[in-house]
Protein backbone atom coordinates (compact mmCIF):
# COMPACT_ATOMS: atom_id res chain seq x y z
CA MET A 1 119.90 -0.91 105.34
CA GLU A 2 118.45 2.00 107.29
CA ASN A 3 119.59 4.46 104.61
CA HIS A 4 117.14 3.09 102.07
CA LEU A 5 114.14 2.30 104.24
CA GLY A 6 110.99 4.37 103.99
CA ASP A 7 110.66 7.08 106.64
CA PRO A 8 107.22 8.80 106.68
CA ARG A 9 108.65 11.86 108.44
CA PHE A 10 110.32 13.05 105.26
CA TYR A 11 107.38 13.03 102.86
CA ASN A 12 106.30 16.22 101.14
CA PHE A 13 103.64 15.65 98.53
CA ASN A 14 104.00 19.22 97.29
CA ALA A 15 106.75 17.70 95.18
CA PHE A 16 103.95 16.88 92.74
CA SER A 17 102.15 19.33 90.53
CA SER A 18 98.37 19.27 90.96
CA ARG A 19 97.99 18.38 87.27
CA HIS A 20 99.37 14.90 88.06
CA ASP A 21 96.66 14.15 90.62
CA SER A 22 94.25 12.41 88.26
CA ASP A 23 96.96 10.62 86.26
CA ILE A 24 98.81 8.78 89.02
CA SER A 25 98.22 7.44 92.49
CA VAL A 26 100.86 7.74 95.20
CA ARG A 27 101.23 5.64 98.32
CA ARG A 28 103.54 6.13 101.26
CA ALA A 29 106.19 3.55 101.98
CA THR A 30 105.47 1.80 105.25
CA PRO A 31 108.05 2.29 108.05
CA GLY A 32 111.03 0.04 107.44
CA GLU A 33 109.95 -0.91 103.91
CA PRO A 34 113.03 -1.35 101.68
CA VAL A 35 113.17 0.31 98.27
CA CYS A 36 115.30 -2.47 96.80
CA VAL A 37 112.90 -5.39 97.25
CA ASP A 38 111.33 -6.94 94.16
CA TYR A 39 107.61 -6.57 94.89
CA ARG A 40 105.20 -8.22 92.50
CA SER A 41 101.99 -7.10 94.13
CA ASN A 42 100.49 -4.02 95.73
CA CYS A 43 96.95 -5.06 96.60
CA GLY A 44 96.79 -6.46 93.08
CA LYS A 45 98.09 -3.26 91.40
CA PRO A 46 101.53 -2.81 89.79
CA PHE A 47 103.64 0.09 91.05
CA PHE A 48 107.19 1.37 91.24
CA PHE A 49 109.16 3.28 93.85
CA LEU A 50 110.58 6.73 93.17
CA TYR A 51 112.61 9.11 95.29
CA GLN A 52 111.07 12.47 96.12
CA THR A 53 114.27 14.29 95.13
CA MET A 54 113.71 13.35 91.47
CA PHE A 55 110.76 15.74 91.39
CA LYS A 56 112.04 18.44 93.71
CA ARG A 57 115.54 18.83 92.28
CA THR A 58 115.87 17.25 88.83
CA GLY A 59 112.48 18.31 87.45
CA LEU A 60 111.38 14.78 86.60
CA ARG A 61 107.71 14.47 85.63
CA LEU A 62 105.23 11.67 85.15
CA PRO A 63 104.41 9.84 83.03
CA PHE A 64 107.95 9.11 81.83
CA SER A 65 108.83 10.18 78.31
CA GLY A 66 109.39 7.57 75.61
CA PHE A 67 113.12 8.27 75.81
CA GLU A 68 113.17 7.72 79.59
CA ARG A 69 111.24 4.45 79.33
CA GLU A 70 113.45 3.13 76.55
CA LEU A 71 116.61 4.07 78.45
CA LEU A 72 115.46 2.35 81.66
CA THR A 73 114.67 -0.75 79.60
CA GLU A 74 117.98 -0.67 77.75
CA ILE A 75 120.03 -0.59 80.96
CA ASN A 76 117.52 -2.85 82.77
CA VAL A 77 116.92 -0.84 85.96
CA ALA A 78 113.88 0.33 87.90
CA PRO A 79 113.38 4.11 88.30
CA ALA A 80 114.48 4.17 91.97
CA GLN A 81 117.54 2.08 91.11
CA LEU A 82 119.09 4.96 89.16
CA HIS A 83 121.09 7.49 91.19
CA PRO A 84 119.63 11.05 91.31
CA ASN A 85 122.71 12.50 89.58
CA SER A 86 122.03 10.14 86.70
CA TRP A 87 118.41 11.28 86.47
CA ALA A 88 119.80 14.82 86.27
CA PHE A 89 121.97 13.78 83.30
CA ILE A 90 118.86 12.39 81.60
CA ARG A 91 116.85 15.56 82.22
CA ALA A 92 119.64 17.87 81.02
CA PHE A 93 120.15 15.75 77.89
CA GLU A 94 116.43 15.99 77.11
CA ILE A 95 116.46 19.77 77.62
CA LEU A 96 119.53 20.22 75.43
CA TYR A 97 118.10 18.13 72.62
CA GLY A 98 114.67 19.69 72.96
CA TYR A 99 116.13 23.16 72.58
CA LEU A 100 118.01 22.06 69.47
CA GLY A 101 114.80 20.67 68.01
CA LEU A 102 116.11 17.10 68.07
CA LEU A 103 114.60 13.99 69.63
CA PRO A 104 116.73 12.53 72.44
CA LEU A 105 117.83 9.04 71.47
CA VAL A 106 119.11 6.24 73.66
CA ASN A 107 121.90 5.33 71.21
CA ILE A 108 123.31 8.85 71.31
CA PHE A 109 122.98 9.14 75.09
CA LEU A 110 124.89 5.89 75.55
CA HIS A 111 127.63 7.16 73.26
CA PHE A 112 128.37 9.92 75.77
CA PHE A 113 127.65 7.95 78.95
CA GLU A 114 128.43 4.50 80.29
CA VAL A 115 126.54 2.57 82.97
CA LYS A 116 128.36 1.78 86.23
CA LYS A 117 127.70 0.30 89.65
CA GLN A 118 130.32 1.17 92.22
CA GLY A 119 131.33 -1.61 94.60
CA LYS A 120 128.53 -2.51 97.03
CA SER A 121 126.42 0.50 96.09
CA LEU A 122 122.75 -0.29 95.59
CA TRP A 123 122.33 2.30 92.86
CA VAL A 124 123.31 2.35 89.21
CA SER A 125 124.92 5.48 87.77
CA PHE A 126 125.75 7.07 84.44
CA SER A 127 129.31 8.27 84.03
CA GLY A 128 130.57 10.54 81.28
CA VAL A 129 132.99 8.88 78.87
CA ALA A 130 136.49 10.38 78.83
CA GLY A 131 136.91 12.61 75.79
CA ARG A 132 133.15 12.81 75.25
CA ILE A 133 131.98 14.79 78.29
CA ILE A 134 129.03 17.03 77.35
CA LEU A 135 127.33 17.55 80.74
CA THR A 136 128.65 18.43 84.19
CA LEU A 137 127.81 16.46 87.32
CA PHE A 138 124.64 17.82 88.92
CA GLN A 139 125.81 17.49 92.54
CA ASN A 140 129.31 16.52 93.66
CA SER A 141 127.90 15.22 96.94
CA TYR A 142 124.22 14.29 96.72
CA LYS A 143 122.87 13.96 100.25
CA GLY A 144 119.61 13.64 102.16
CA TRP A 145 117.55 11.64 99.66
CA LYS A 146 117.77 8.02 100.83
CA GLY A 147 114.61 7.09 102.67
CA GLN A 148 112.46 9.74 100.99
CA PHE A 149 110.62 7.57 98.51
CA PHE A 150 107.07 6.53 97.70
CA GLY A 151 105.16 4.12 95.51
CA VAL A 152 103.66 5.28 92.21
CA CYS A 153 100.63 3.57 90.67
CA CYS A 154 98.66 4.36 87.52
CA THR A 155 94.99 5.34 87.44
CA LYS A 156 92.14 4.71 85.02
CA ARG A 157 92.85 8.10 83.45
CA ASP A 158 96.26 6.91 82.23
CA PRO A 159 96.50 3.09 82.49
CA THR A 160 99.72 3.08 80.40
CA ALA A 161 101.73 5.22 82.84
CA LEU A 162 103.64 2.18 84.08
CA ASP A 163 104.18 0.50 80.72
CA GLY A 164 107.49 0.04 78.94
CA PHE A 165 110.15 -0.09 81.69
CA PRO A 166 111.19 -2.24 84.69
CA LEU A 167 109.05 -1.48 87.74
CA TYR A 168 110.86 -3.44 90.44
CA TRP A 169 114.45 -3.58 91.60
CA VAL A 170 116.59 -5.59 89.16
CA LYS A 171 119.35 -7.83 90.49
CA GLU A 172 121.41 -7.72 87.30
CA PRO A 173 121.37 -4.29 85.62
CA ARG A 174 122.96 -4.05 82.20
CA LEU A 175 126.29 -2.29 82.78
CA ILE A 176 126.87 -0.89 79.30
CA LYS A 177 130.38 0.42 78.75
CA THR A 178 129.63 2.80 75.88
CA LYS A 179 128.46 2.77 72.29
CA SER A 180 131.12 3.54 69.71
CA LEU A 181 130.41 5.62 66.61
CA ASP A 182 130.65 2.47 64.50
CA GLU A 183 127.70 0.97 66.39
CA LEU A 184 125.41 3.92 65.62
CA PRO A 185 123.19 4.54 62.58
CA SER A 186 124.65 7.16 60.24
CA ALA A 187 122.21 9.89 61.29
CA ASP A 188 122.98 9.36 65.00
CA ARG A 189 126.68 9.27 64.22
CA GLU A 190 126.53 12.68 62.51
CA VAL A 191 124.85 14.25 65.54
CA CYS A 192 127.43 12.73 67.92
CA VAL A 193 130.29 14.05 65.81
CA ALA A 194 128.72 17.51 65.72
CA LEU A 195 128.26 17.56 69.51
CA ALA A 196 131.86 16.49 70.00
CA ARG A 197 133.08 19.28 67.71
CA MET A 198 131.52 21.88 69.98
CA GLY A 199 134.09 21.30 72.67
CA ILE A 200 131.47 22.56 75.16
CA VAL A 201 130.56 20.96 78.48
CA PHE A 202 127.05 22.11 79.35
CA ASN A 203 126.12 22.83 82.94
CA THR A 204 123.52 20.26 84.00
CA ALA A 205 122.17 22.30 86.92
CA GLU A 206 121.78 25.44 84.78
CA LEU A 207 119.93 23.58 82.03
CA ILE A 208 117.48 22.08 84.54
CA ALA A 209 116.93 25.45 86.25
CA ARG A 210 116.18 27.18 82.91
CA GLU A 211 114.00 24.46 81.37
CA PHE A 212 110.77 26.48 81.23
CA ASP A 213 112.33 29.92 80.69
CA ALA A 214 112.90 30.39 76.94
CA ASP A 215 114.75 33.69 77.37
CA ALA A 216 117.09 32.24 79.99
CA LEU A 217 117.80 29.23 77.79
CA SER A 218 118.50 31.49 74.81
CA GLN A 219 120.90 33.56 76.91
CA TYR A 220 122.64 30.46 78.19
CA PHE A 221 123.16 29.00 74.74
CA GLY A 222 123.99 32.44 73.37
CA ARG A 223 127.04 32.54 75.63
CA ASN A 224 128.31 29.49 73.75
CA LEU A 225 128.50 30.87 70.20
CA ARG A 226 130.38 27.81 69.04
CA LEU A 227 127.15 25.89 69.53
CA TYR A 228 125.67 27.51 66.45
CA LEU A 229 128.82 27.31 64.33
CA SER A 230 129.62 23.68 65.06
CA PHE A 231 126.28 22.51 63.71
CA LEU A 232 126.91 24.07 60.30
CA SER A 233 128.36 20.74 59.14
CA LEU A 234 125.10 18.90 59.75
CA PRO A 235 122.87 17.86 56.83
CA PHE A 236 120.80 20.76 55.51
CA ASN A 237 117.43 19.42 56.71
CA VAL A 238 118.70 18.91 60.28
CA LEU A 239 120.52 22.26 60.28
CA SER A 240 117.42 24.09 59.05
CA LEU A 241 115.33 22.67 61.86
CA ILE A 242 117.93 23.59 64.49
CA LEU A 243 118.30 27.17 63.22
CA TYR A 244 114.51 27.56 63.18
CA VAL A 245 114.31 26.46 66.80
CA LEU A 246 117.29 28.53 67.96
CA PHE A 247 116.44 31.84 66.35
CA ILE A 248 112.76 31.90 65.41
CA CYS A 249 110.64 30.06 67.94
CA PRO A 250 112.36 29.53 71.32
CA LYS A 251 109.24 30.69 73.17
CA LEU A 252 107.06 28.33 71.17
CA LEU A 253 109.37 25.45 72.02
CA CYS A 254 109.27 26.33 75.72
CA VAL A 255 105.46 26.33 75.68
CA THR A 256 105.51 22.94 73.95
CA MET A 257 107.84 21.53 76.60
CA CYS A 258 105.48 22.71 79.34
CA ILE A 259 102.47 20.83 77.95
């Protein structure tokens, strides 16, 4: 149990950007407080736990995006219940889709990933589906993060920051195997087929590191010329949007992602 108990020695609130200060409220975990307990009160205010590494290493930001909230709800887990490597998959998927000018969708994500819980592990993980791998593992051995967590509360400035996803540790997460193409709407199916045709496995760590550098992202995708060619089979309206984003306004997209 000691590996997932709060330890005040490890806290570094520089993990937050100052622009979050008025949107959320953060509280330290008390010594010995477990992250996996289902708390229903925090002096009358709802909250959720989150590991510091999510901000420092995977680039996670608050409030959660609509995609992130929907995904947490679909698999029925609290934010701290998801392994950091899995948060990195989510972030890289969002960056990839954002660069292509497409909205990240839960159905498509769960076509490429399945939800697992290994043995007695407390945490839930995403695992790439054999034959559909599109992102590399962020860290082969992710260490030094258990115990470095805090509570996140909303403020009057953004009272919806905690809406739309499980806040507290869930005893029975939804271990989704994978979504087949037949289960997807036709538009989602076309995008999945196009991604599969690329035959490219994108580097999760590189995507996260380049998120706010439009030139670096362009160079990274430019090294994978098949990326552009494989999307030529997409419907004209989708293809036009992707080409516009790739070749005309990468800097504009990067600015939009920073807002």
